Amino acid sequence: MKKLQARLLLTIVLLIVPHAFAAEAELPLDLIEMLGELDDEDNASLADAISEIESNSSKEKPQITELKNEK
């Protein structure tokens, strides 16, 4: 019984492990090249855009019931 459980566990691990490594997406080569061409001005504008997105995502969004009441 223990051999069967060990074989089943080994089979499951061997089936799951390749999918776990495949989930790590690599950056496309042209994206890597583009990121290498950024200058200080581009980096500053990207930092501003990221901070704006983060601040907008932290704002509370109105609920559906609130939108219905406003109409």
PDB file of N, CA and C in Angstrom:
ATOM      1  N   MET A   1       0.823  -1.195   0.000  1.00  0.00           N
ATOM      2  CA  MET A   1       0.000   0.000   0.000  1.00  0.00           C
ATOM      3  C   MET A   1       0.870   1.264   0.000  1.00  0.00           C
ATOM      4  N   LYS A   2       1.954   1.245   0.776  1.00  0.00           N
ATOM      5  CA  LYS A   2       2.823   2.414   0.834  1.00  0.00           C
ATOM      6  C   LYS A   2       3.538   2.637  -0.488  1.00  0.00           C
ATOM      7  N   LYS A   3       3.874   1.542  -1.182  1.00  0.00           N
ATOM      8  CA  LYS A   3       4.516   1.690  -2.490  1.00  0.00           C
ATOM      9  C   LYS A   3       3.561   2.341  -3.479  1.00  0.00           C
ATOM     10  N   LEU A   4       2.291   1.965  -3.406  1.00  0.00           N
ATOM     11  CA  LEU A   4       1.291   2.551  -4.298  1.00  0.00           C
ATOM     12  C   LEU A   4       1.125   4.039  -4.007  1.00  0.00           C
ATOM     13  N   GLN A   5       1.085   4.398  -2.727  1.00  0.00           N
ATOM     14  CA  GLN A   5       0.964   5.806  -2.352  1.00  0.00           C
ATOM     15  C   GLN A   5       2.190   6.595  -2.797  1.00  0.00           C
ATOM     16  N   ALA A   6       3.369   6.009  -2.648  1.00  0.00           N
ATOM     17  CA  ALA A   6       4.598   6.684  -3.056  1.00  0.00           C
ATOM     18  C   ALA A   6       4.629   6.880  -4.564  1.00  0.00           C
ATOM     19  N   ARG A   7       4.207   5.864  -5.308  1.00  0.00           N
ATOM     20  CA  ARG A   7       4.174   5.988  -6.771  1.00  0.00           C
ATOM     21  C   ARG A   7       3.157   7.031  -7.214  1.00  0.00           C
ATOM     22  N   LEU A   8       2.006   7.044  -6.542  1.00  0.00           N
ATOM     23  CA  LEU A   8       0.981   8.030  -6.881  1.00  0.00           C
ATOM     24  C   LEU A   8       1.479   9.442  -6.592  1.00  0.00           C
ATOM     25  N   LEU A   9       2.124   9.630  -5.458  1.00  0.00           N
ATOM     26  CA  LEU A   9       2.672  10.938  -5.106  1.00  0.00           C
ATOM     27  C   LEU A   9       3.749  11.366  -6.092  1.00  0.00           C
ATOM     28  N   LEU A  10       4.627  10.442  -6.460  1.00  0.00           N
ATOM     29  CA  LEU A  10       5.676  10.748  -7.426  1.00  0.00           C
ATOM     30  C   LEU A  10       5.080  11.125  -8.779  1.00  0.00           C
ATOM     31  N   THR A  11       4.043  10.411  -9.196  1.00  0.00           N
ATOM     32  CA  THR A  11       3.382  10.716 -10.465  1.00  0.00           C
ATOM     33  C   THR A  11       2.767  12.107 -10.436  1.00  0.00           C
ATOM     34  N   ILE A  12       2.111  12.434  -9.330  1.00  0.00           N
ATOM     35  CA  ILE A  12       1.490  13.758  -9.208  1.00  0.00           C
ATOM     36  C   ILE A  12       2.552  14.851  -9.258  1.00  0.00           C
ATOM     37  N   VAL A  13       3.639  14.656  -8.530  1.00  0.00           N
ATOM     38  CA  VAL A  13       4.716  15.653  -8.517  1.00  0.00           C
ATOM     39  C   VAL A  13       5.302  15.821  -9.910  1.00  0.00           C
ATOM     40  N   LEU A  14       5.532  14.715 -10.599  1.00  0.00           N
ATOM     41  CA  LEU A  14       6.108  14.795 -11.945  1.00  0.00           C
ATOM     42  C   LEU A  14       5.162  15.463 -12.936  1.00  0.00           C
ATOM     43  N   LEU A  15       3.869  15.379 -12.694  1.00  0.00           N
ATOM     44  CA  LEU A  15       2.907  16.046 -13.574  1.00  0.00           C
ATOM     45  C   LEU A  15       2.779  17.533 -13.260  1.00  0.00           C
ATOM     46  N   ILE A  16       2.944  17.904 -11.997  1.00  0.00           N
ATOM     47  CA  ILE A  16       2.742  19.300 -11.587  1.00  0.00           C
ATOM     48  C   ILE A  16       3.980  20.159 -11.810  1.00  0.00           C
ATOM     49  N   VAL A  17       5.160  19.639 -11.573  1.00  0.00           N
ATOM     50  CA  VAL A  17       6.395  20.424 -11.619  1.00  0.00           C
ATOM     51  C   VAL A  17       6.610  21.123 -12.961  1.00  0.00           C
ATOM     52  N   PRO A  18       6.444  20.464 -14.105  1.00  0.00           N
ATOM     53  CA  PRO A  18       6.658  21.189 -15.371  1.00  0.00           C
ATOM     54  C   PRO A  18       5.711  22.367 -15.558  1.00  0.00           C
ATOM     55  N   HIS A  19       4.476  22.241 -15.073  1.00  0.00           N
ATOM     56  CA  HIS A  19       3.518  23.341 -15.203  1.00  0.00           C
ATOM     57  C   HIS A  19       3.906  24.515 -14.314  1.00  0.00           C
ATOM     58  N   ALA A  20       4.493  24.233 -13.173  1.00  0.00           N
ATOM     59  CA  ALA A  20       4.910  25.309 -12.275  1.00  0.00           C
ATOM     60  C   ALA A  20       6.026  26.134 -12.899  1.00  0.00           C
ATOM     61  N   PHE A  21       6.960  25.479 -13.569  1.00  0.00           N
ATOM     62  CA  PHE A  21       8.048  26.217 -14.208  1.00  0.00           C
ATOM     63  C   PHE A  21       7.581  26.913 -15.475  1.00  0.00           C
ATOM     64  N   ALA A  22       6.596  26.357 -16.161  1.00  0.00           N
ATOM     65  CA  ALA A  22       6.087  26.969 -17.387  1.00  0.00           C
ATOM     66  C   ALA A  22       5.301  28.237 -17.081  1.00  0.00           C
ATOM     67  N   ALA A  23       4.819  28.390 -15.858  1.00  0.00           N
ATOM     68  CA  ALA A  23       4.030  29.568 -15.497  1.00  0.00           C
ATOM     69  C   ALA A  23       4.878  30.826 -15.408  1.00  0.00           C
ATOM     70  N   GLU A  24       6.186  30.677 -15.291  1.00  0.00           N
ATOM     71  CA  GLU A  24       7.063  31.840 -15.231  1.00  0.00           C
ATOM     72  C   GLU A  24       7.267  32.373 -16.644  1.00  0.00           C
ATOM     73  N   ALA A  25       6.637  33.491 -16.934  1.00  0.00           N
ATOM     74  CA  ALA A  25       6.725  34.062 -18.277  1.00  0.00           C
ATOM     75  C   ALA A  25       8.040  34.810 -18.447  1.00  0.00           C
ATOM     76  N   GLU A  26       8.644  34.637 -19.576  1.00  0.00           N
ATOM     77  CA  GLU A  26       9.866  35.364 -19.889  1.00  0.00           C
ATOM     78  C   GLU A  26       9.507  36.628 -20.663  1.00  0.00           C
ATOM     79  N   LEU A  27      10.323  37.653 -20.501  1.00  0.00           N
ATOM     80  CA  LEU A  27      10.093  38.884 -21.247  1.00  0.00           C
ATOM     81  C   LEU A  27      10.484  38.680 -22.704  1.00  0.00           C
ATOM     82  N   PRO A  28       9.666  39.183 -23.618  1.00  0.00           N
ATOM     83  CA  PRO A  28      10.047  39.091 -25.028  1.00  0.00           C
ATOM     84  C   PRO A  28      11.331  39.878 -25.288  1.00  0.00           C
ATOM     85  N   LEU A  29      12.097  39.433 -26.254  1.00  0.00           N
ATOM     86  CA  LEU A  29      13.392  40.040 -26.546  1.00  0.00           C
ATOM     87  C   LEU A  29      13.255  41.511 -26.923  1.00  0.00           C
ATOM     88  N   ASP A  30      12.241  41.868 -27.716  1.00  0.00           N
ATOM     89  CA  ASP A  30      12.089  43.267 -28.115  1.00  0.00           C
ATOM     90  C   ASP A  30      11.712  44.150 -26.926  1.00  0.00           C
ATOM     91  N   LEU A  31      10.998  43.601 -25.949  1.00  0.00           N
ATOM     92  CA  LEU A  31      10.684  44.378 -24.752  1.00  0.00           C
ATOM     93  C   LEU A  31      11.951  44.630 -23.938  1.00  0.00           C
ATOM     94  N   ILE A  32      12.801  43.628 -23.842  1.00  0.00           N
ATOM     95  CA  ILE A  32      14.074  43.801 -23.135  1.00  0.00           C
ATOM     96  C   ILE A  32      14.922  44.862 -23.823  1.00  0.00           C
ATOM     97  N   GLU A  33      14.957  44.833 -25.156  1.00  0.00           N
ATOM     98  CA  GLU A  33      15.725  45.836 -25.895  1.00  0.00           C
ATOM     99  C   GLU A  33      15.151  47.225 -25.685  1.00  0.00           C
ATOM    100  N   MET A  34      13.815  47.340 -25.682  1.00  0.00           N
ATOM    101  CA  MET A  34      13.179  48.633 -25.491  1.00  0.00           C
ATOM    102  C   MET A  34      13.485  49.172 -24.092  1.00  0.00           C
ATOM    103  N   LEU A  35      13.434  48.314 -23.078  1.00  0.00           N
ATOM    104  CA  LEU A  35      13.720  48.760 -21.718  1.00  0.00           C
ATOM    105  C   LEU A  35      15.163  49.211 -21.569  1.00  0.00           C
ATOM    106  N   GLY A  36      16.056  48.649 -22.358  1.00  0.00           N
ATOM    107  CA  GLY A  36      17.450  49.056 -22.314  1.00  0.00           C
ATOM    108  C   GLY A  36      17.676  50.427 -22.909  1.00  0.00           C
ATOM    109  N   GLU A  37      16.730  50.912 -23.718  1.00  0.00           N
ATOM    110  CA  GLU A  37      16.878  52.205 -24.383  1.00  0.00           C
ATOM    111  C   GLU A  37      16.232  53.352 -23.617  1.00  0.00           C
ATOM    112  N   LEU A  38      15.715  53.113 -22.430  1.00  0.00           N
ATOM    113  CA  LEU A  38      15.071  54.168 -21.658  1.00  0.00           C
ATOM    114  C   LEU A  38      16.115  55.112 -21.081  1.00  0.00           C
ATOM    115  N   ASP A  39      15.801  56.410 -21.115  1.00  0.00           N
ATOM    116  CA  ASP A  39      16.692  57.382 -20.490  1.00  0.00           C
ATOM    117  C   ASP A  39      16.067  57.867 -19.178  1.00  0.00           C
ATOM    118  N   ASP A  40      16.703  58.832 -18.529  1.00  0.00           N
ATOM    119  CA  ASP A  40      16.233  59.304 -17.229  1.00  0.00           C
ATOM    120  C   ASP A  40      14.843  59.923 -17.311  1.00  0.00           C
ATOM    121  N   GLU A  41      14.568  60.647 -18.399  1.00  0.00           N
ATOM    122  CA  GLU A  41      13.253  61.271 -18.562  1.00  0.00           C
ATOM    123  C   GLU A  41      12.168  60.205 -18.679  1.00  0.00           C
ATOM    124  N   ASP A  42      12.448  59.146 -19.431  1.00  0.00           N
ATOM    125  CA  ASP A  42      11.485  58.056 -19.562  1.00  0.00           C
ATOM    126  C   ASP A  42      11.253  57.374 -18.218  1.00  0.00           C
ATOM    127  N   ASN A  43      12.323  57.156 -17.479  1.00  0.00           N
ATOM    128  CA  ASN A  43      12.194  56.513 -16.172  1.00  0.00           C
ATOM    129  C   ASN A  43      11.350  57.354 -15.225  1.00  0.00           C
ATOM    130  N   ALA A  44      11.514  58.671 -15.269  1.00  0.00           N
ATOM    131  CA  ALA A  44      10.736  59.557 -14.404  1.00  0.00           C
ATOM    132  C   ALA A  44       9.260  59.523 -14.781  1.00  0.00           C
ATOM    133  N   SER A  45       8.963  59.553 -16.084  1.00  0.00           N
ATOM    134  CA  SER A  45       7.561  59.528 -16.497  1.00  0.00           C
ATOM    135  C   SER A  45       6.925  58.174 -16.195  1.00  0.00           C
ATOM    136  N   LEU A  46       7.694  57.098 -16.309  1.00  0.00           N
ATOM    137  CA  LEU A  46       7.170  55.784 -15.939  1.00  0.00           C
ATOM    138  C   LEU A  46       6.884  55.713 -14.444  1.00  0.00           C
ATOM    139  N   ALA A  47       7.764  56.280 -13.638  1.00  0.00           N
ATOM    140  CA  ALA A  47       7.555  56.287 -12.189  1.00  0.00           C
ATOM    141  C   ALA A  47       6.309  57.092 -11.835  1.00  0.00           C
ATOM    142  N   ASP A  48       6.093  58.223 -12.511  1.00  0.00           N
ATOM    143  CA  ASP A  48       4.890  59.023 -12.283  1.00  0.00           C
ATOM    144  C   ASP A  48       3.636  58.245 -12.662  1.00  0.00           C
ATOM    145  N   ALA A  49       3.684  57.570 -13.801  1.00  0.00           N
ATOM    146  CA  ALA A  49       2.522  56.800 -14.255  1.00  0.00           C
ATOM    147  C   ALA A  49       2.208  55.660 -13.294  1.00  0.00           C
ATOM    148  N   ILE A  50       3.234  54.990 -12.805  1.00  0.00           N
ATOM    149  CA  ILE A  50       3.019  53.883 -11.869  1.00  0.00           C
ATOM    150  C   ILE A  50       2.420  54.390 -10.566  1.00  0.00           C
ATOM    151  N   SER A  51       2.926  55.508 -10.063  1.00  0.00           N
ATOM    152  CA  SER A  51       2.387  56.043  -8.808  1.00  0.00           C
ATOM    153  C   SER A  51       0.948  56.516  -8.991  1.00  0.00           C
ATOM    154  N   GLU A  52       0.619  57.063 -10.166  1.00  0.00           N
ATOM    155  CA  GLU A  52      -0.756  57.482 -10.435  1.00  0.00           C
ATOM    156  C   GLU A  52      -1.689  56.281 -10.476  1.00  0.00           C
ATOM    157  N   ILE A  53      -1.250  55.215 -11.110  1.00  0.00           N
ATOM    158  CA  ILE A  53      -2.069  54.001 -11.174  1.00  0.00           C
ATOM    159  C   ILE A  53      -2.270  53.426  -9.781  1.00  0.00           C
ATOM    160  N   GLU A  54      -1.212  53.402  -8.984  1.00  0.00           N
ATOM    161  CA  GLU A  54      -1.326  52.878  -7.624  1.00  0.00           C
ATOM    162  C   GLU A  54      -2.265  53.729  -6.783  1.00  0.00           C
ATOM    163  N   SER A  55      -2.221  55.044  -6.944  1.00  0.00           N
ATOM    164  CA  SER A  55      -3.104  55.902  -6.153  1.00  0.00           C
ATOM    165  C   SER A  55      -4.550  55.758  -6.606  1.00  0.00           C
ATOM    166  N   ASN A  56      -4.772  55.567  -7.909  1.00  0.00           N
ATOM    167  CA  ASN A  56      -6.134  55.379  -8.401  1.00  0.00           C
ATOM    168  C   ASN A  56      -6.710  54.040  -7.966  1.00  0.00           C
ATOM    169  N   SER A  57      -5.876  53.024  -7.880  1.00  0.00           N
ATOM    170  CA  SER A  57      -6.376  51.708  -7.490  1.00  0.00           C
ATOM    171  C   SER A  57      -6.688  51.649  -6.003  1.00  0.00           C
ATOM    172  N   SER A  58      -6.102  52.544  -5.218  1.00  0.00           N
ATOM    173  CA  SER A  58      -6.364  52.525  -3.780  1.00  0.00           C
ATOM    174  C   SER A  58      -7.625  53.313  -3.420  1.00  0.00           C
ATOM    175  N   LYS A  59      -8.151  54.099  -4.359  1.00  0.00           N
ATOM    176  CA  LYS A  59      -9.373  54.850  -4.086  1.00  0.00           C
ATOM    177  C   LYS A  59     -10.550  53.894  -4.021  1.00  0.00           C
ATOM    178  N   GLU A  60     -11.502  54.238  -3.167  1.00  0.00           N
ATOM    179  CA  GLU A  60     -12.682  53.390  -3.023  1.00  0.00           C
ATOM    180  C   GLU A  60     -13.600  53.592  -4.220  1.00  0.00           C
ATOM    181  N   LYS A  61     -14.020  52.511  -4.792  1.00  0.00           N
ATOM    182  CA  LYS A  61     -14.900  52.569  -5.951  1.00  0.00           C
ATOM    183  C   LYS A  61     -16.349  52.511  -5.471  1.00  0.00           C
ATOM    184  N   PRO A  62     -17.260  53.255  -6.103  1.00  0.00           N
ATOM    185  CA  PRO A  62     -18.662  53.239  -5.665  1.00  0.00           C
ATOM    186  C   PRO A  62     -19.296  51.871  -5.908  1.00  0.00           C
ATOM    187  N   GLN A  63     -20.156  51.497  -5.016  1.00  0.00           N
ATOM    188  CA  GLN A  63     -20.863  50.228  -5.150  1.00  0.00           C
ATOM    189  C   GLN A  63     -22.009  50.386  -6.144  1.00  0.00           C
ATOM    190  N   ILE A  64     -22.512  49.290  -6.644  1.00  0.00           N
ATOM    191  CA  ILE A  64     -23.589  49.323  -7.645  1.00  0.00           C
ATOM    192  C   ILE A  64     -24.828  49.981  -7.062  1.00  0.00           C
ATOM    193  N   THR A  65     -25.142  49.718  -5.811  1.00  0.00           N
ATOM    194  CA  THR A  65     -26.330  50.322  -5.201  1.00  0.00           C
ATOM    195  C   THR A  65     -26.180  51.833  -5.117  1.00  0.00           C
ATOM    196  N   GLU A  66     -24.972  52.314  -4.873  1.00  0.00           N
ATOM    197  CA  GLU A  66     -24.745  53.755  -4.823  1.00  0.00           C
ATOM    198  C   GLU A  66     -24.965  54.380  -6.193  1.00  0.00           C
ATOM    199  N   LEU A  67     -24.573  53.696  -7.237  1.00  0.00           N
ATOM    200  CA  LEU A  67     -24.768  54.218  -8.585  1.00  0.00           C
ATOM    201  C   LEU A  67     -26.245  54.264  -8.937  1.00  0.00           C
ATOM    202  N   LYS A  68     -27.015  53.284  -8.509  1.00  0.00           N
ATOM    203  CA  LYS A  68     -28.451  53.273  -8.792  1.00  0.00           C
ATOM    204  C   LYS A  68     -29.141  54.422  -8.076  1.00  0.00           C
ATOM    205  N   ASN A  69     -28.719  54.717  -6.857  1.00  0.00           N
ATOM    206  CA  ASN A  69     -29.335  55.791  -6.083  1.00  0.00           C
ATOM    207  C   ASN A  69     -29.035  57.158  -6.680  1.00  0.00           C
ATOM    208  N   GLU A  70     -27.909  57.290  -7.376  1.00  0.00           N
ATOM    209  CA  GLU A  70     -27.538  58.576  -7.954  1.00  0.00           C
ATOM    210  C   GLU A  70     -28.381  58.920  -9.171  1.00  0.00           C
ATOM    211  N   LYS A  71     -28.973  57.940  -9.833  1.00  0.00           N
ATOM    212  CA  LYS A  71     -29.756  58.189 -11.061  1.00  0.00           C
ATOM    213  C   LYS A  71     -31.036  58.851 -10.799  1.00  0.00           C
TER     214      LYS A  71
END
